[in-house]
Protein backbone atom coordinates (compact mmCIF):
# COMPACT_ATOMS: atom_id res chain seq x y z
CA MET A 1 0.70 1.24 8.55
CA LEU A 2 0.83 4.97 7.88
CA GLY A 3 -1.03 5.60 11.12
CA LEU A 4 1.47 3.48 13.04
CA SER A 5 4.52 5.14 11.53
CA SER A 6 3.04 8.63 11.94
CA ALA A 7 2.19 7.97 15.60
CA TYR A 8 5.68 6.60 16.17
CA GLU A 9 7.42 9.61 14.62
CA LEU A 10 5.18 12.06 16.49
CA SER A 11 5.91 10.30 19.78
CA ARG A 12 9.64 10.62 19.11
CA ARG A 13 9.11 14.39 19.12
CA ASN A 14 7.64 14.16 22.62
CA LEU A 15 4.13 14.98 21.45
CA SER A 16 1.11 13.42 23.13
CA VAL A 17 -0.31 10.85 20.69
CA VAL A 18 -3.36 8.56 20.65
CA LEU A 19 -3.75 5.97 17.86
CA VAL A 20 -7.35 5.05 17.10
CA GLU A 21 -8.03 1.85 15.14
CA SER A 22 -11.50 0.61 14.21
CA GLY A 23 -10.47 -3.04 14.42
CA GLN A 24 -7.17 -4.72 15.18
CA VAL A 25 -3.94 -2.92 14.32
CA GLY A 26 -2.75 -4.36 11.02
CA GLY A 27 -6.07 -6.09 10.47
CA ARG A 28 -6.82 -4.31 7.20
CA GLN A 29 -4.54 -3.58 4.26
CA SER A 30 -1.51 -2.79 6.45
CA GLY A 31 -1.25 -6.47 7.38
CA ARG A 32 -2.71 -7.91 4.18
CA ASN A 33 -0.34 -6.65 1.51
CA LEU A 34 2.43 -8.66 -0.16
CA GLY A 35 5.29 -7.06 1.75
CA PHE A 36 7.15 -5.62 -1.25
CA VAL A 37 9.48 -2.74 -0.35
CA ARG A 38 10.45 -1.49 -3.78
CA GLN A 39 11.97 1.60 -5.28
CA GLN A 40 11.73 0.01 -8.71
CA GLY A 41 8.87 1.17 -10.90
CA ARG A 42 7.96 4.16 -8.76
CA ALA A 43 6.82 7.41 -10.33
CA LEU A 44 9.77 9.79 -10.40
CA ALA A 45 7.89 12.22 -8.14
CA GLU A 46 7.67 9.49 -5.51
CA LEU A 47 11.15 8.03 -5.94
CA PRO A 48 13.12 10.36 -3.59
CA MET A 49 10.81 9.47 -0.70
CA MET A 50 11.00 5.77 -1.52
CA MET A 51 14.79 5.84 -1.70
CA ALA A 52 14.85 7.42 1.76
CA ALA A 53 12.35 4.82 3.00
CA ASN A 54 14.57 2.04 1.67
CA GLN A 55 17.44 3.31 3.80
CA ARG A 56 15.18 3.39 6.84
CA TRP A 57 13.95 -0.18 6.27
CA ARG A 58 17.48 -1.55 6.51
CA GLY A 59 17.65 -0.78 10.22
CA LEU A 60 13.94 -0.63 11.06
CA GLY A 61 13.82 -3.90 12.99
CA ASP A 62 16.70 -2.86 15.23
CA GLU A 63 15.15 0.59 15.71
CA LEU A 64 11.76 -0.83 16.74
CA GLY A 65 13.31 -3.61 18.80
CA SER A 66 11.54 -6.42 16.90
CA ASP A 67 12.31 -8.49 13.81
CA VAL A 68 10.32 -7.25 10.78
CA GLU A 69 11.79 -9.98 8.52
CA TRP A 70 13.50 -7.43 6.27
CA ARG A 71 15.46 -9.01 3.43
CA MET A 72 17.30 -7.00 0.80
CA GLY A 73 16.90 -9.51 -2.01
CA GLY A 74 16.15 -7.07 -4.81
CA ASN A 75 13.11 -6.50 -6.98
CA LEU A 76 12.70 -8.19 -10.36
CA ARG A 77 10.18 -6.96 -12.93
CA LEU A 78 9.60 -8.98 -16.11
CA THR A 79 7.61 -8.50 -19.28
CA SER A 80 7.06 -10.00 -22.72
CA ASP A 81 5.20 -6.93 -23.96
CA PRO A 82 7.38 -4.84 -26.34
CA GLU A 83 5.63 -1.59 -25.38
CA LEU A 84 6.15 -2.25 -21.67
CA ALA A 85 9.74 -3.30 -22.32
CA GLY A 86 10.41 0.12 -23.84
CA ARG A 87 8.83 1.86 -20.87
CA TYR A 88 10.92 -0.20 -18.46
CA GLU A 89 14.11 0.71 -20.26
CA ARG A 90 13.22 4.40 -20.20
CA TRP A 91 12.37 4.16 -16.50
CA VAL A 92 15.74 2.54 -15.73
CA ALA A 93 17.52 5.40 -17.51
CA ASP A 94 15.60 7.97 -15.45
CA ALA A 95 16.11 6.09 -12.18
CA THR A 96 19.84 5.60 -12.63
CA SER A 97 20.18 9.35 -13.26
CA LEU A 98 18.86 9.78 -9.68
CA GLY A 99 21.43 7.34 -8.31
CA LEU A 100 19.31 4.17 -8.10
CA ASP A 101 21.00 0.83 -8.83
CA SER A 102 18.37 -0.40 -11.32
CA ARG A 103 19.50 -2.19 -14.47
CA VAL A 104 18.24 -4.25 -17.40
CA VAL A 105 19.02 -7.93 -16.84
CA SER A 106 19.71 -10.73 -19.29
CA GLY A 107 17.99 -14.09 -19.46
CA ALA A 108 20.88 -15.70 -17.63
CA GLU A 109 20.57 -13.21 -14.78
CA VAL A 110 16.84 -13.85 -14.55
CA ALA A 111 17.58 -17.55 -14.17
CA SER A 112 19.99 -16.81 -11.32
CA ILE A 113 17.43 -14.61 -9.53
CA LEU A 114 14.61 -17.13 -10.09
CA PRO A 115 16.47 -20.47 -10.18
CA GLY A 116 14.45 -23.30 -11.64
CA VAL A 117 12.01 -21.06 -13.47
CA ASN A 118 10.59 -22.62 -16.64
CA GLU A 119 9.67 -19.49 -18.58
CA LYS A 120 11.25 -16.88 -20.88
CA TRP A 121 10.59 -13.15 -20.99
CA LEU A 122 11.45 -10.41 -23.43
CA LEU A 123 12.98 -8.11 -20.83
CA GLY A 124 13.72 -7.90 -17.14
CA ILE A 125 14.80 -5.05 -14.89
CA PHE A 126 16.33 -5.56 -11.45
CA THR A 127 17.07 -3.30 -8.48
CA ALA A 128 19.36 -5.12 -6.06
CA SER A 129 18.87 -2.64 -3.19
CA ASP A 130 15.12 -3.32 -3.02
CA GLY A 131 13.72 -5.79 -0.54
CA HIS A 132 10.71 -7.14 1.29
CA ALA A 133 9.44 -7.56 4.85
CA ASP A 134 6.55 -9.19 6.66
CA PRO A 135 3.51 -6.90 7.03
CA VAL A 136 2.08 -8.54 10.15
CA THR A 137 5.32 -8.64 12.12
CA THR A 138 6.08 -5.05 11.06
CA CYS A 139 2.72 -3.81 12.33
CA ARG A 140 3.29 -5.69 15.59
CA ALA A 141 6.78 -4.18 15.90
CA TYR A 142 5.44 -0.66 15.47
CA THR A 143 2.62 -1.33 17.96
CA ALA A 144 5.02 -2.67 20.59
CA ALA A 145 7.34 0.29 20.07
CA LEU A 146 4.43 2.72 20.46
CA ARG A 147 3.25 1.13 23.69
CA ALA A 148 6.80 1.11 25.01
CA ARG A 149 6.88 4.86 24.41
CA GLY A 150 3.64 5.34 26.33
CA VAL A 151 1.39 5.90 23.30
CA GLN A 152 -2.22 4.87 23.85
CA VAL A 153 -3.24 2.40 21.12
CA CYS A 154 -7.05 2.12 21.00
CA GLU A 155 -8.14 -0.97 19.09
CA GLY A 156 -11.78 -1.73 18.30
CA VAL A 157 -12.65 1.97 18.36
CA PRO A 158 -14.18 3.16 15.06
CA VAL A 159 -14.00 6.87 14.30
CA ARG A 160 -17.45 8.17 13.39
CA LYS A 161 -16.31 11.61 12.31
CA ILE A 162 -13.66 14.27 12.66
CA THR A 163 -15.00 16.98 14.96
CA LEU A 164 -14.65 20.66 14.03
CA GLN A 165 -15.10 24.09 15.51
CA GLY A 166 -14.39 27.45 13.92
CA GLY A 167 -12.70 25.96 10.87
CA SER A 168 -10.26 23.77 12.81
CA VAL A 169 -10.30 20.19 14.06
CA THR A 170 -11.05 19.56 17.71
CA GLY A 171 -10.61 15.78 17.69
CA VAL A 172 -12.55 12.70 16.63
CA ALA A 173 -15.92 11.29 17.67
CA THR A 174 -16.08 7.59 18.63
CA PRO A 175 -18.81 5.36 20.09
CA PHE A 176 -17.12 5.93 23.47
CA GLY A 177 -17.03 9.70 23.31
CA GLU A 178 -14.92 12.40 21.73
CA LEU A 179 -11.14 12.35 21.79
CA LYS A 180 -9.90 15.93 21.89
CA ALA A 181 -6.89 16.86 19.74
CA GLY A 182 -5.37 19.94 18.20
CA ALA A 183 -4.20 17.91 15.20
CA VAL A 184 -5.74 14.89 13.50
CA VAL A 185 -3.79 12.68 11.09
CA LEU A 186 -6.19 11.04 8.64
CA ALA A 187 -4.47 7.81 7.59
CA ALA A 188 -7.49 5.53 7.44
CA GLY A 189 -6.79 3.85 4.09
CA SER A 190 -10.04 2.69 2.56
CA GLY A 191 -12.00 4.70 5.14
CA SER A 192 -10.24 8.01 4.50
CA ALA A 193 -12.65 9.36 1.88
CA ARG A 194 -15.70 8.89 4.13
CA LEU A 195 -14.12 10.62 7.12
CA ALA A 196 -12.73 13.44 4.98
CA ARG A 197 -16.07 14.10 3.30
CA ALA A 198 -17.76 14.66 6.67
CA ALA A 199 -15.06 17.26 7.38
CA GLY A 200 -15.80 19.06 4.10
CA VAL A 201 -12.87 17.56 2.15
CA ALA A 202 -13.31 15.55 -1.07
CA ILE A 203 -10.70 12.83 -1.66
CA PRO A 204 -11.31 11.04 -4.95
CA GLN A 205 -10.15 7.48 -4.46
CA GLN A 206 -11.20 4.07 -5.70
CA LEU A 207 -10.82 0.79 -3.86
CA VAL A 208 -9.25 -2.22 -5.57
CA ARG A 209 -9.43 -5.68 -4.03
CA GLN A 210 -6.59 -8.16 -4.45
CA THR A 211 -6.45 -11.82 -3.40
CA VAL A 212 -3.18 -13.00 -1.83
CA ILE A 213 -2.22 -16.59 -1.02
CA MET A 214 0.46 -18.24 1.07
CA THR A 215 1.68 -21.75 0.32
CA GLU A 216 3.19 -24.31 2.64
CA PRO A 217 7.01 -23.98 2.81
CA VAL A 218 8.91 -25.07 -0.29
CA GLY A 219 12.55 -25.22 -1.28
CA ALA A 220 14.46 -22.04 -2.07
CA VAL A 221 12.85 -20.18 -4.99
CA THR A 222 14.11 -16.62 -4.76
CA GLN A 223 15.35 -13.98 -2.34
CA ALA A 224 13.89 -11.27 -4.57
CA ALA A 225 10.40 -9.85 -4.72
CA ALA A 226 9.36 -10.57 -8.30
CA TRP A 227 6.63 -9.63 -10.75
CA THR A 228 6.38 -11.78 -13.87
CA GLY A 229 3.74 -9.69 -15.61
CA GLU A 230 0.94 -11.91 -14.34
CA LEU A 231 2.06 -13.01 -10.89
CA PHE A 232 3.64 -11.33 -7.84
CA ILE A 233 6.05 -13.68 -6.04
CA ARG A 234 7.70 -13.37 -2.64
CA GLN A 235 9.23 -16.13 -0.53
CA ASP A 236 9.15 -15.37 3.19
CA ALA A 237 11.59 -16.27 5.95
CA ARG A 238 9.89 -19.66 6.51
CA GLY A 239 10.03 -20.65 2.83
CA CYS A 240 6.34 -19.99 2.16
CA LEU A 241 5.49 -18.39 -1.18
CA ARG A 242 3.30 -15.28 -1.07
CA LEU A 243 1.51 -14.96 -4.42
CA ALA A 244 -1.00 -12.61 -6.04
CA ALA A 245 -2.32 -12.28 -9.57
CA SER A 246 -1.43 -8.89 -11.04
CA ALA A 247 -4.11 -8.83 -13.73
CA ARG A 248 -7.12 -9.98 -11.70
CA ASN A 249 -7.71 -6.99 -9.46
CA GLU A 250 -11.33 -6.18 -8.63
CA ILE A 251 -12.85 -2.72 -8.37
CA VAL A 252 -14.78 -2.52 -5.10
CA LEU A 253 -18.29 -1.14 -5.30
CA ASP A 254 -17.94 1.49 -2.60
CA PRO A 255 -20.30 4.51 -2.36
CA ALA A 256 -17.40 6.88 -1.61
CA GLY A 257 -15.57 5.70 -4.71
CA LEU A 258 -18.63 5.71 -6.93
CA ARG A 259 -19.08 9.45 -6.27
CA HIS A 260 -15.85 10.01 -8.21
CA ALA A 261 -16.22 7.24 -10.79
CA GLY A 262 -16.15 9.68 -13.71
CA ARG A 263 -12.72 10.96 -12.65
CA PHE A 264 -11.31 7.44 -12.90
CA LEU A 265 -12.60 6.63 -16.39
CA SER A 266 -9.30 7.37 -18.17
CA SER A 267 -7.34 5.39 -15.57
CA TYR A 268 -9.76 2.50 -15.86
CA LEU A 269 -9.45 2.45 -19.64
CA ALA A 270 -5.64 2.51 -19.39
CA ASN A 271 -5.69 -0.39 -16.91
CA ARG A 272 -8.76 -2.34 -18.00
CA SER A 273 -6.69 -5.47 -18.69
CA GLN A 274 -5.82 -5.58 -14.97
CA LEU A 275 -9.24 -4.77 -13.51
CA ARG A 276 -12.58 -6.49 -13.08
CA VAL A 277 -15.97 -5.25 -11.89
CA ARG A 278 -18.46 -7.65 -10.29
CA LEU A 279 -22.14 -6.70 -10.29
CA ASP A 280 -23.56 -9.77 -8.55
CA PRO A 281 -26.19 -9.31 -5.79
CA ALA A 282 -23.73 -10.13 -2.97
CA SER A 283 -21.29 -7.44 -4.14
CA LEU A 284 -24.08 -4.87 -4.43
CA ALA A 285 -25.39 -5.72 -0.96
CA ARG A 286 -21.93 -5.32 0.58
CA ALA A 287 -21.59 -1.96 -1.14
CA LEU A 288 -24.82 -0.71 0.41
CA LEU A 289 -23.79 -1.87 3.89
CA ARG A 290 -20.25 -0.44 3.85
CA PRO A 291 -21.04 3.11 5.04
CA VAL A 292 -23.02 1.87 8.05
CA GLN A 293 -20.49 -0.81 9.00
CA SER A 294 -17.48 1.49 8.70
CA THR A 295 -19.15 4.18 10.84
CA TRP A 296 -20.44 1.92 13.59
CA GLY A 297 -17.90 -0.89 13.44
CA GLY A 298 -18.32 -4.51 12.45
CA GLU A 299 -17.18 -4.18 8.84
CA SER A 300 -16.30 -7.65 7.61
CA PRO A 301 -12.88 -8.22 6.01
CA PRO A 302 -12.75 -8.68 2.24
CA ARG A 303 -12.92 -12.26 1.06
CA PRO A 304 -10.44 -13.93 -1.30
CA ARG A 305 -11.67 -15.22 -4.65
CA PHE A 306 -11.33 -18.96 -5.20
CA ASP A 307 -10.62 -18.55 -8.91
CA ASP A 308 -7.75 -16.18 -8.06
CA VAL A 309 -6.36 -18.68 -5.56
CA ARG A 310 -6.43 -21.39 -8.19
CA PHE A 311 -4.84 -19.08 -10.79
CA CYS A 312 -1.91 -18.27 -8.46
CA LEU A 313 -1.24 -21.91 -7.65
CA GLU A 314 -1.46 -23.02 -11.29
CA ARG A 315 0.83 -20.25 -12.56
CA ALA A 316 3.42 -20.83 -9.83
CA GLN A 317 3.52 -24.55 -10.59
CA ARG A 318 3.93 -23.79 -14.28
CA TYR A 319 6.82 -21.44 -13.56
CA PHE A 320 8.55 -23.81 -11.14
CA PRO A 321 7.72 -27.41 -12.15
CA GLY A 322 10.55 -28.73 -9.99
CA LEU A 323 8.66 -27.76 -6.84
CA GLY A 324 5.94 -30.32 -7.49
CA ALA A 325 2.43 -29.75 -6.19
CA LEU A 326 2.06 -26.60 -4.11
CA ARG A 327 -0.08 -26.81 -0.98
CA LEU A 328 -2.17 -23.85 0.09
CA ARG A 329 -1.75 -22.69 3.69
CA ARG A 330 -3.83 -19.50 3.70
CA ALA A 331 -5.65 -17.11 1.39
CA TRP A 332 -6.92 -13.61 2.12
CA ALA A 333 -7.82 -10.39 0.36
CA GLY A 334 -6.97 -6.75 0.88
CA GLU A 335 -8.38 -3.45 -0.34
CA ILE A 336 -6.02 -0.91 -1.86
CA GLU A 337 -7.12 2.72 -1.99
CA VAL A 338 -5.94 4.18 -5.29
CA THR A 339 -5.94 7.66 -6.77
CA ARG A 340 -6.37 8.62 -10.38
CA ASP A 341 -2.62 9.16 -10.92
CA ALA A 342 -1.51 6.39 -8.52
CA LEU A 343 0.29 8.94 -6.31
CA PRO A 344 -0.52 9.40 -2.62
CA VAL A 345 -2.20 12.34 -0.97
CA ILE A 346 0.08 13.88 1.67
CA ASP A 347 -1.27 17.29 2.60
CA GLY A 348 -1.55 19.45 5.68
CA GLY A 349 -3.35 22.37 4.13
CA ALA A 350 -6.25 20.85 2.23
CA GLY A 351 -8.97 21.18 4.83
CA PRO A 352 -9.73 22.41 8.33
CA GLY A 353 -6.82 23.68 10.39
CA GLY A 354 -5.00 20.86 12.15
CA LEU A 355 -6.03 18.15 9.65
CA VAL A 356 -3.16 16.26 8.01
CA ILE A 357 -4.06 13.78 5.27
CA ALA A 358 -1.93 10.74 4.37
CA THR A 359 -3.89 8.37 2.17
CA GLY A 360 -4.37 7.13 -1.40
CA MET A 361 -1.09 5.21 -1.32
CA SER A 362 -2.19 3.16 -4.37
CA GLY A 363 -0.47 -0.02 -3.20
CA HIS A 364 2.75 1.72 -2.14
CA GLY A 365 1.94 2.46 1.49
CA PHE A 366 3.78 -0.43 3.16
CA GLY A 367 7.11 0.41 1.56
CA LEU A 368 6.73 4.17 1.97
CA ALA A 369 5.39 4.11 5.53
CA PRO A 370 8.63 4.65 7.51
CA ILE A 371 9.40 7.88 5.66
CA VAL A 372 5.80 9.10 5.22
CA GLY A 373 5.54 8.95 8.99
CA THR A 374 8.42 11.41 9.30
CA VAL A 375 6.86 13.69 6.68
CA VAL A 376 3.53 13.67 8.53
CA ALA A 377 5.31 14.47 11.79
CA ASP A 378 7.12 17.36 10.07
CA ILE A 379 3.79 18.78 8.86
CA VAL A 380 2.18 18.48 12.30
CA ASP A 381 5.27 19.97 13.94
CA GLY A 382 5.54 22.82 11.43
CA ALA A 383 8.98 21.65 10.26
CA GLU A 384 10.40 21.51 6.73
CA ALA A 385 9.58 18.12 5.22
CA GLY A 386 12.73 17.79 3.13
CA PHE A 387 10.82 16.48 0.08
CA ASP A 388 8.88 18.17 -2.69
CA LEU A 389 5.29 17.50 -1.62
CA ARG A 390 3.63 19.44 -4.45
CA PRO A 391 2.90 16.29 -6.52
CA PHE A 392 0.97 14.89 -3.53
CA ARG A 393 -1.26 17.88 -2.76
CA LEU A 394 -4.98 17.13 -2.75
CA ALA A 395 -5.73 20.21 -4.88
CA ARG A 396 -4.28 18.51 -7.96
CA PHE A 397 -7.57 16.65 -8.38
CA HIS A 398 -9.59 19.87 -8.41
CA ASP A 399 -7.44 22.64 -9.92
CA GLY A 400 -7.20 21.42 -13.51
CA SER A 401 -3.79 19.72 -13.14
CA ARG A 402 -3.06 17.25 -15.90
CA LEU A 403 -3.16 13.77 -14.38
CA GLU A 404 -1.82 11.07 -16.65
CA PRO A 405 -3.45 7.65 -16.16
CA VAL A 406 -0.91 5.05 -15.07
CA HIS A 407 -0.95 1.42 -13.97
CA LEU A 408 -2.69 1.30 -10.63
CA ILE A 409 -0.95 -1.61 -8.92
């Protein structure tokens, strides 16, 4: 969705914009995420941008002229781990010092946010101003707004490479010819590292696959977006539960990511309870085919894991026994591009002239997108961004900066 928001903000500045999408707009992670729009739990370096994004989300549907199913129901984060509980309390203290409405909540408050839940936790934190929206309808809203503004949206057009001349970008090469441009915004998610490498820029990122399910509509469960420590929970506008297991994420065997595997060792060790690696023949075969498919088109979408689907349904029924048997409507998977420190790369000076990078969102891209789009437009336009972008510079991975491993999702 970063490409959509960047194109939208650039078009508002009366610049000529073309959006190039290898498949269908929103067909990859932009339309496959859970729809959380949270300030809670963000790294402090990222929090000012996310607080600004939160303000933008509140009127985004009206601005784009389409319903994005925004609901400000808050974000609830729960844990029974004493070490995590201490970290959550320290985070709340830091966040409130910046003006965020986060607070530690009691067991009674948890029961009011998740009525009918049959579980107890050691600690909960809650940010009432957080919310959630629907990824698919949001991508459609942005696309419609772009077309209404005269922006050319090219779907089914894979970018083979970023073209260069004399140390500056000249456009992008596609199977249908070259698109000329004085500036190229690289916001290709899981494909960013491949395209950047061909332009002489190394972006160390790892892909993590997550299975998401949607149930048939059920009675009211919660207006909040919640994380129980093992399950992400969101109830959409139709009453369907969107669920994902937080500790069953799978590292994708991707050649671009494997080049930087050593850089991620400390992060992997810090998050090994949440990550899995599959070395079966099918996974290895898909890894070998990825570079060809992503360059020439035809890359198949990631597949959900049946055991993760079953885990989500079983846990949700355990939490909410009053709902009875939950019926599965859909299941899908998405691929999250993560960096070693779980902070994005937003940089207009890390490569050839005219190249602006916005990638490595580490699972935060949907919520951040409305404000990252304005930052990207500022960089392209040569304007002051209004945020401290130093924590997001690409050079931090190469200049000896100390990068603390954090939870990736």
